[in-house]
Amino acid sequence: FPMDKAAKIFVAGHRGLVGSAIVRRLNSLGYTNLLLRSRSEVDLTSQSAVDAFFSVERPQFVIIAAAKVGGIHANSTYPADFITINLQIQTNLISAAFRHGTLKLLFLGSSCIYPKFAPQPIPESALLTGPLEPTNEWYAVAKISGIKMCQAYRIQHSFDAISAMPTNLYGPNDNFHPENSHVLPALLRRFHEAKARGAESVVVWGSGKPLREFLYVDDLADAVVFLMENYSGTEHVNVGSGKEVSIGELAEAVKETVGYGGEIVWDRSKPDGTPRKLMDSSKLEGLGWSPKVSLEEGLRETYRWYLENVV
């Protein structure tokens, strides 16, 4: 069913990369009644705080973009935080939404829910068919529990809870931290700083051969609204661009976006990671959605945001 433009929509995690893009998308479509609460206003890890919020506001639609996220280093250093906080946030939100009469809920996961050696491209059916990537299994187990919780509430209570699993995302509000950001924002920052310093070369880890899939975060936001309006089913839905780019091609594209004139030097003593990681998004395509923003355009927008907000 379509969401009424005046319906109360709670976007949990509205300040993050994903949540802020979902708010932008809803605003641009004329949704005027968005419920947004910062961490200081509602502590999502507290069941009583979440319950109090839901009993007062009674949102009709809920989108869960709130999560504790981080790279390999953070995941391996704070595994207890990653499993506990994510389980708390999603459990509190899903159960409160059901108990307080929410009409529909969408839970956002991540492509790391899939087995380390899943078939490529990865279909939804690959879930729970093999061991996870050990470096982020705490986060992955929490996200898998969220998918299963949505399914359980649908089976037992006919609650319209759905899940979407995005591929690697990038865009405005991304994390550009030098140590713990993901590959695309890390490269943007590195090339920008090399250009600013007038450095002759930029060193990038690995061989540049691994293939990765990237989706501009505003495309994901568009897919989230599309799924809220067009999908109701037990199985989670992959959201990807369907396009692979090698890390080498990505580095060249970032270099061009930033306007850096020096050389790229590949440090082959450093690890490459998985050779390929692509999601099969044919299910979503079959429902009638496809991404609109090219990598070039997405990189331009992300770099513009970086210059205005980080530099």
Protein backbone atom coordinates (compact mmCIF):
# COMPACT_ATOMS: atom_id res chain seq x y z
CA PHE A 1 0.00 0.00 0.00
CA PRO A 2 1.29 3.48 -0.74
CA MET A 3 2.40 5.54 2.24
CA ASP A 4 0.19 8.57 2.75
CA LYS A 5 2.21 11.79 2.37
CA ALA A 6 1.08 12.90 5.86
CA ALA A 7 1.73 9.49 7.49
CA LYS A 8 4.05 9.46 10.49
CA ILE A 9 7.32 7.90 9.37
CA PHE A 10 10.07 7.19 11.91
CA VAL A 11 13.54 7.04 10.35
CA ALA A 12 15.82 5.55 13.03
CA GLY A 13 19.43 6.64 12.53
CA HIS A 14 18.55 9.75 10.49
CA ARG A 15 21.98 11.35 10.94
CA GLY A 16 24.03 8.56 9.39
CA LEU A 17 25.06 7.98 5.79
CA VAL A 18 21.95 5.89 5.03
CA GLY A 19 19.41 7.55 7.31
CA SER A 20 20.20 11.06 6.09
CA ALA A 21 19.79 9.92 2.46
CA ILE A 22 16.41 8.33 3.28
CA VAL A 23 15.28 11.61 4.89
CA ARG A 24 16.42 13.53 1.77
CA ARG A 25 14.47 11.15 -0.45
CA LEU A 26 11.27 11.27 1.63
CA ASN A 27 11.45 15.08 1.80
CA SER A 28 11.91 15.33 -1.97
CA LEU A 29 8.82 13.14 -2.49
CA GLY A 30 6.71 15.39 -0.27
CA TYR A 31 6.52 13.33 2.92
CA THR A 32 5.99 16.01 5.54
CA ASN A 33 5.55 14.10 8.80
CA LEU A 34 8.95 12.56 9.50
CA LEU A 35 9.77 11.59 13.08
CA LEU A 36 13.48 12.18 13.70
CA ARG A 37 15.17 11.71 17.06
CA SER A 38 18.85 12.02 17.88
CA ARG A 39 20.61 9.60 20.21
CA SER A 40 20.32 12.09 23.10
CA GLU A 41 16.54 12.27 22.59
CA VAL A 42 15.84 8.53 22.32
CA ASP A 43 18.44 5.92 23.29
CA LEU A 44 17.61 3.08 20.90
CA THR A 45 19.56 0.59 23.01
CA SER A 46 17.13 1.19 25.90
CA GLN A 47 13.91 -0.80 25.70
CA SER A 48 12.07 1.56 28.06
CA ALA A 49 13.15 4.65 26.09
CA VAL A 50 12.05 3.10 22.78
CA ASP A 51 8.73 1.98 24.32
CA ALA A 52 8.04 5.44 25.73
CA PHE A 53 8.75 7.03 22.33
CA PHE A 54 6.48 4.57 20.45
CA SER A 55 3.62 4.86 22.94
CA VAL A 56 3.58 8.66 22.55
CA GLU A 57 4.31 9.03 18.81
CA ARG A 58 2.84 5.81 17.36
CA PRO A 59 4.64 5.97 13.99
CA GLN A 60 2.73 4.31 11.14
CA PHE A 61 5.90 3.44 9.24
CA VAL A 62 9.35 2.62 10.58
CA ILE A 63 12.66 2.46 8.70
CA ILE A 64 15.61 1.08 10.68
CA ALA A 65 18.81 2.71 9.44
CA ALA A 66 20.32 2.92 12.93
CA ALA A 67 23.25 0.60 13.64
CA LYS A 68 26.70 0.49 15.16
CA VAL A 69 29.00 0.20 12.15
CA GLY A 70 32.74 0.13 11.55
CA GLY A 71 35.53 -1.42 9.53
CA ILE A 72 37.59 -4.57 10.13
CA HIS A 73 39.67 -2.93 12.87
CA ALA A 74 36.66 -1.76 14.89
CA ASN A 75 34.86 -5.10 14.47
CA SER A 76 37.82 -7.13 15.69
CA THR A 77 38.56 -4.74 18.60
CA TYR A 78 34.99 -4.34 19.93
CA PRO A 79 33.10 -7.54 19.03
CA ALA A 80 30.93 -7.39 22.17
CA ASP A 81 29.80 -3.86 21.32
CA PHE A 82 28.97 -4.79 17.74
CA ILE A 83 26.80 -7.77 18.59
CA THR A 84 25.15 -6.30 21.71
CA ILE A 85 24.32 -2.79 20.50
CA ASN A 86 22.99 -3.94 17.12
CA LEU A 87 20.85 -6.67 18.71
CA GLN A 88 19.49 -4.16 21.23
CA ILE A 89 18.61 -1.49 18.66
CA GLN A 90 16.80 -3.80 16.23
CA THR A 91 15.06 -5.90 18.90
CA ASN A 92 13.73 -2.82 20.69
CA LEU A 93 12.53 -1.19 17.46
CA ILE A 94 10.93 -4.25 15.82
CA SER A 95 9.09 -5.37 18.96
CA ALA A 96 7.92 -1.83 19.88
CA ALA A 97 6.74 -1.16 16.32
CA PHE A 98 4.64 -4.33 16.38
CA ARG A 99 3.20 -3.66 19.84
CA HIS A 100 2.31 -0.04 19.09
CA GLY A 101 0.50 -0.66 15.82
CA THR A 102 3.06 0.27 13.16
CA LEU A 103 1.67 -0.65 9.72
CA LYS A 104 4.97 -1.50 8.07
CA LEU A 105 8.64 -1.70 8.99
CA LEU A 106 11.80 -1.96 6.91
CA PHE A 107 15.02 -3.29 8.42
CA LEU A 108 18.33 -2.51 6.73
CA GLY A 109 21.15 -5.04 6.85
CA SER A 110 24.40 -5.31 4.98
CA SER A 111 26.04 -7.53 2.38
CA CYS A 112 28.33 -8.96 5.10
CA ILE A 113 25.45 -11.26 6.19
CA TYR A 114 26.46 -13.65 3.41
CA PRO A 115 28.94 -16.51 3.72
CA LYS A 116 32.58 -15.70 3.01
CA PHE A 117 32.57 -18.06 0.01
CA ALA A 118 29.07 -17.34 -1.30
CA PRO A 119 28.44 -17.83 -5.03
CA GLN A 120 29.02 -14.73 -7.19
CA PRO A 121 26.86 -12.74 -7.79
CA ILE A 122 25.32 -13.46 -4.35
CA PRO A 123 21.61 -14.37 -4.40
CA GLU A 124 19.31 -13.89 -1.39
CA SER A 125 19.17 -17.69 -1.05
CA ALA A 126 22.89 -17.80 -0.08
CA LEU A 127 22.00 -16.66 3.46
CA LEU A 128 23.07 -19.19 6.14
CA THR A 129 24.65 -21.58 3.65
CA GLY A 130 28.22 -21.31 4.98
CA PRO A 131 30.64 -19.70 7.46
CA LEU A 132 30.81 -15.90 7.65
CA GLU A 133 33.82 -13.65 7.10
CA PRO A 134 35.49 -13.96 10.56
CA THR A 135 36.50 -10.28 10.77
CA ASN A 136 32.92 -9.01 11.01
CA GLU A 137 30.84 -11.99 12.06
CA TRP A 138 29.58 -10.24 15.25
CA TYR A 139 27.96 -7.52 13.18
CA ALA A 140 26.77 -10.04 10.58
CA VAL A 141 25.15 -12.33 13.18
CA ALA A 142 23.25 -9.35 14.62
CA LYS A 143 22.02 -8.35 11.14
CA ILE A 144 21.00 -11.94 10.32
CA SER A 145 19.04 -11.97 13.60
CA GLY A 146 17.26 -8.80 12.45
CA ILE A 147 16.21 -10.45 9.17
CA LYS A 148 15.02 -13.52 11.06
CA MET A 149 13.16 -11.39 13.60
CA CYS A 150 11.26 -9.61 10.81
CA GLN A 151 10.39 -13.01 9.31
CA ALA A 152 9.30 -14.36 12.71
CA TYR A 153 6.98 -11.41 13.39
CA ARG A 154 5.50 -11.81 9.90
CA ILE A 155 4.92 -15.56 10.42
CA GLN A 156 3.56 -15.39 13.97
CA HIS A 157 1.77 -12.02 13.96
CA SER A 158 1.28 -11.15 10.24
CA PHE A 159 3.35 -8.03 10.93
CA ASP A 160 4.43 -6.40 7.66
CA ALA A 161 8.17 -6.32 8.36
CA ILE A 162 10.60 -6.48 5.42
CA SER A 163 14.41 -6.41 5.12
CA ALA A 164 16.75 -4.94 2.53
CA MET A 165 20.47 -5.75 2.17
CA PRO A 166 22.51 -3.01 0.50
CA THR A 167 25.88 -3.47 -1.17
CA ASN A 168 28.86 -1.14 -0.45
CA LEU A 169 27.46 2.37 -0.08
CA TYR A 170 29.06 5.80 -0.44
CA GLY A 171 27.96 9.41 -0.63
CA PRO A 172 27.32 12.55 1.46
CA ASN A 173 27.72 12.04 5.24
CA ASP A 174 30.13 9.14 4.68
CA ASN A 175 32.95 8.53 7.13
CA PHE A 176 36.23 9.99 5.82
CA HIS A 177 38.31 9.13 8.89
CA PRO A 178 41.93 8.34 7.87
CA GLU A 179 42.10 5.02 9.78
CA ASN A 180 38.63 3.48 9.86
CA SER A 181 36.78 4.56 6.72
CA HIS A 182 35.85 2.27 3.82
CA VAL A 183 37.82 2.08 0.58
CA LEU A 184 36.00 4.71 -1.49
CA PRO A 185 35.97 7.61 1.02
CA ALA A 186 39.51 6.63 2.11
CA LEU A 187 40.72 6.98 -1.49
CA LEU A 188 38.90 10.31 -1.96
CA ARG A 189 40.60 11.70 1.12
CA ARG A 190 44.01 10.31 0.19
CA PHE A 191 43.95 11.75 -3.35
CA HIS A 192 42.61 15.08 -2.12
CA GLU A 193 45.39 15.40 0.48
CA ALA A 194 48.04 14.37 -2.06
CA LYS A 195 46.75 17.04 -4.45
CA ALA A 196 46.76 19.66 -1.64
CA ARG A 197 50.37 18.78 -0.71
CA GLY A 198 51.52 18.53 -4.31
CA ALA A 199 52.67 14.94 -3.73
CA GLU A 200 54.12 13.13 -6.76
CA SER A 201 52.44 9.80 -6.03
CA VAL A 202 49.75 8.12 -3.96
CA VAL A 203 50.30 4.64 -2.52
CA VAL A 204 47.29 2.32 -2.63
CA TRP A 205 47.21 -1.09 -0.94
CA GLY A 206 47.18 -4.31 -2.95
CA SER A 207 47.24 -5.01 -6.66
CA GLY A 208 44.13 -3.07 -7.72
CA LYS A 209 42.64 -6.27 -9.16
CA PRO A 210 39.80 -7.12 -6.73
CA LEU A 211 36.32 -6.32 -8.00
CA ARG A 212 33.80 -4.42 -5.88
CA GLU A 213 30.25 -3.16 -6.27
CA PHE A 214 29.29 0.35 -5.15
CA LEU A 215 25.89 2.00 -4.83
CA TYR A 216 25.37 5.73 -4.32
CA VAL A 217 23.48 6.17 -1.06
CA ASP A 218 20.68 8.26 -2.62
CA ASP A 219 19.97 5.33 -4.94
CA LEU A 220 19.61 3.10 -1.88
CA ALA A 221 17.24 5.64 -0.31
CA ASP A 222 15.14 5.56 -3.47
CA ALA A 223 15.07 1.74 -3.32
CA VAL A 224 14.01 1.82 0.35
CA VAL A 225 10.98 4.01 -0.42
CA PHE A 226 10.22 1.82 -3.44
CA LEU A 227 10.26 -1.33 -1.27
CA MET A 228 8.08 0.28 1.40
CA GLU A 229 5.50 0.95 -1.30
CA ASN A 230 5.87 -2.14 -3.50
CA TYR A 231 7.18 -5.12 -1.56
CA SER A 232 5.73 -7.29 1.15
CA GLY A 233 7.39 -10.67 1.55
CA THR A 234 9.24 -12.96 3.90
CA GLU A 235 12.57 -13.01 2.08
CA HIS A 236 15.01 -10.11 2.36
CA VAL A 237 15.85 -8.17 -0.82
CA ASN A 238 19.34 -7.36 -2.14
CA VAL A 239 19.94 -3.76 -3.20
CA GLY A 240 22.97 -3.33 -5.45
CA SER A 241 24.09 -1.48 -8.56
CA GLY A 242 24.85 -4.71 -10.45
CA LYS A 243 28.05 -3.07 -11.69
CA GLU A 244 31.53 -4.21 -10.72
CA VAL A 245 34.57 -2.00 -10.73
CA SER A 246 38.14 -3.05 -9.96
CA ILE A 247 39.91 -1.22 -7.14
CA GLY A 248 42.35 -0.07 -9.84
CA GLU A 249 39.53 1.46 -11.92
CA LEU A 250 38.05 2.99 -8.77
CA ALA A 251 41.39 4.62 -7.87
CA GLU A 252 41.65 6.06 -11.41
CA ALA A 253 38.07 7.40 -11.21
CA VAL A 254 38.75 9.01 -7.82
CA LYS A 255 42.02 10.48 -9.10
CA GLU A 256 40.12 12.05 -12.01
CA THR A 257 37.28 13.34 -9.79
CA VAL A 258 39.74 15.02 -7.42
CA GLY A 259 41.86 16.32 -10.30
CA TYR A 260 45.07 14.81 -8.96
CA GLY A 261 47.94 14.82 -11.47
CA GLY A 262 50.43 12.42 -9.89
CA GLU A 263 51.03 8.68 -10.10
CA ILE A 264 49.28 5.78 -8.41
CA VAL A 265 51.71 3.32 -6.81
CA TRP A 266 50.36 -0.13 -5.86
CA ASP A 267 51.80 -1.65 -2.70
CA ARG A 268 51.55 -5.34 -3.56
CA SER A 269 52.92 -6.39 -0.16
CA LYS A 270 49.53 -5.40 1.28
CA PRO A 271 46.51 -7.74 1.20
CA ASP A 272 43.90 -7.61 -1.56
CA GLY A 273 40.93 -9.08 0.29
CA THR A 274 38.21 -11.07 -1.47
CA PRO A 275 38.77 -11.18 -5.26
CA ARG A 276 35.10 -10.47 -6.01
CA LYS A 277 32.02 -9.40 -4.09
CA LEU A 278 28.91 -8.73 -6.13
CA MET A 279 25.27 -9.04 -5.12
CA ASP A 280 22.55 -10.48 -7.30
CA SER A 281 19.88 -7.76 -7.32
CA SER A 282 17.69 -9.35 -10.00
CA LYS A 283 14.83 -9.80 -7.52
CA LEU A 284 14.59 -6.04 -6.95
CA GLU A 285 15.01 -5.39 -10.67
CA GLY A 286 12.12 -7.80 -11.29
CA LEU A 287 9.95 -5.67 -8.98
CA GLY A 288 10.71 -2.69 -11.23
CA TRP A 289 13.54 -0.78 -9.56
CA SER A 290 16.98 0.06 -10.91
CA PRO A 291 19.70 2.53 -9.82
CA LYS A 292 20.00 5.90 -11.54
CA VAL A 293 23.33 7.41 -10.39
CA SER A 294 26.54 6.47 -12.22
CA LEU A 295 29.82 6.04 -10.33
CA GLU A 296 31.22 9.20 -11.99
CA GLU A 297 28.23 11.31 -10.92
CA GLY A 298 28.18 9.77 -7.44
CA LEU A 299 31.90 10.45 -6.96
CA ARG A 300 31.44 14.08 -8.06
CA GLU A 301 28.62 14.62 -5.54
CA THR A 302 30.54 12.87 -2.74
CA TYR A 303 33.67 14.92 -3.41
CA ARG A 304 31.64 18.14 -3.45
CA TRP A 305 30.15 17.19 -0.06
CA TYR A 306 33.63 16.35 1.27
CA LEU A 307 35.01 19.73 0.20
CA GLU A 308 32.09 21.61 1.78
CA ASN A 309 31.81 19.63 5.02
CA VAL A 310 35.11 17.93 5.85
CA VAL A 311 37.82 20.13 4.35
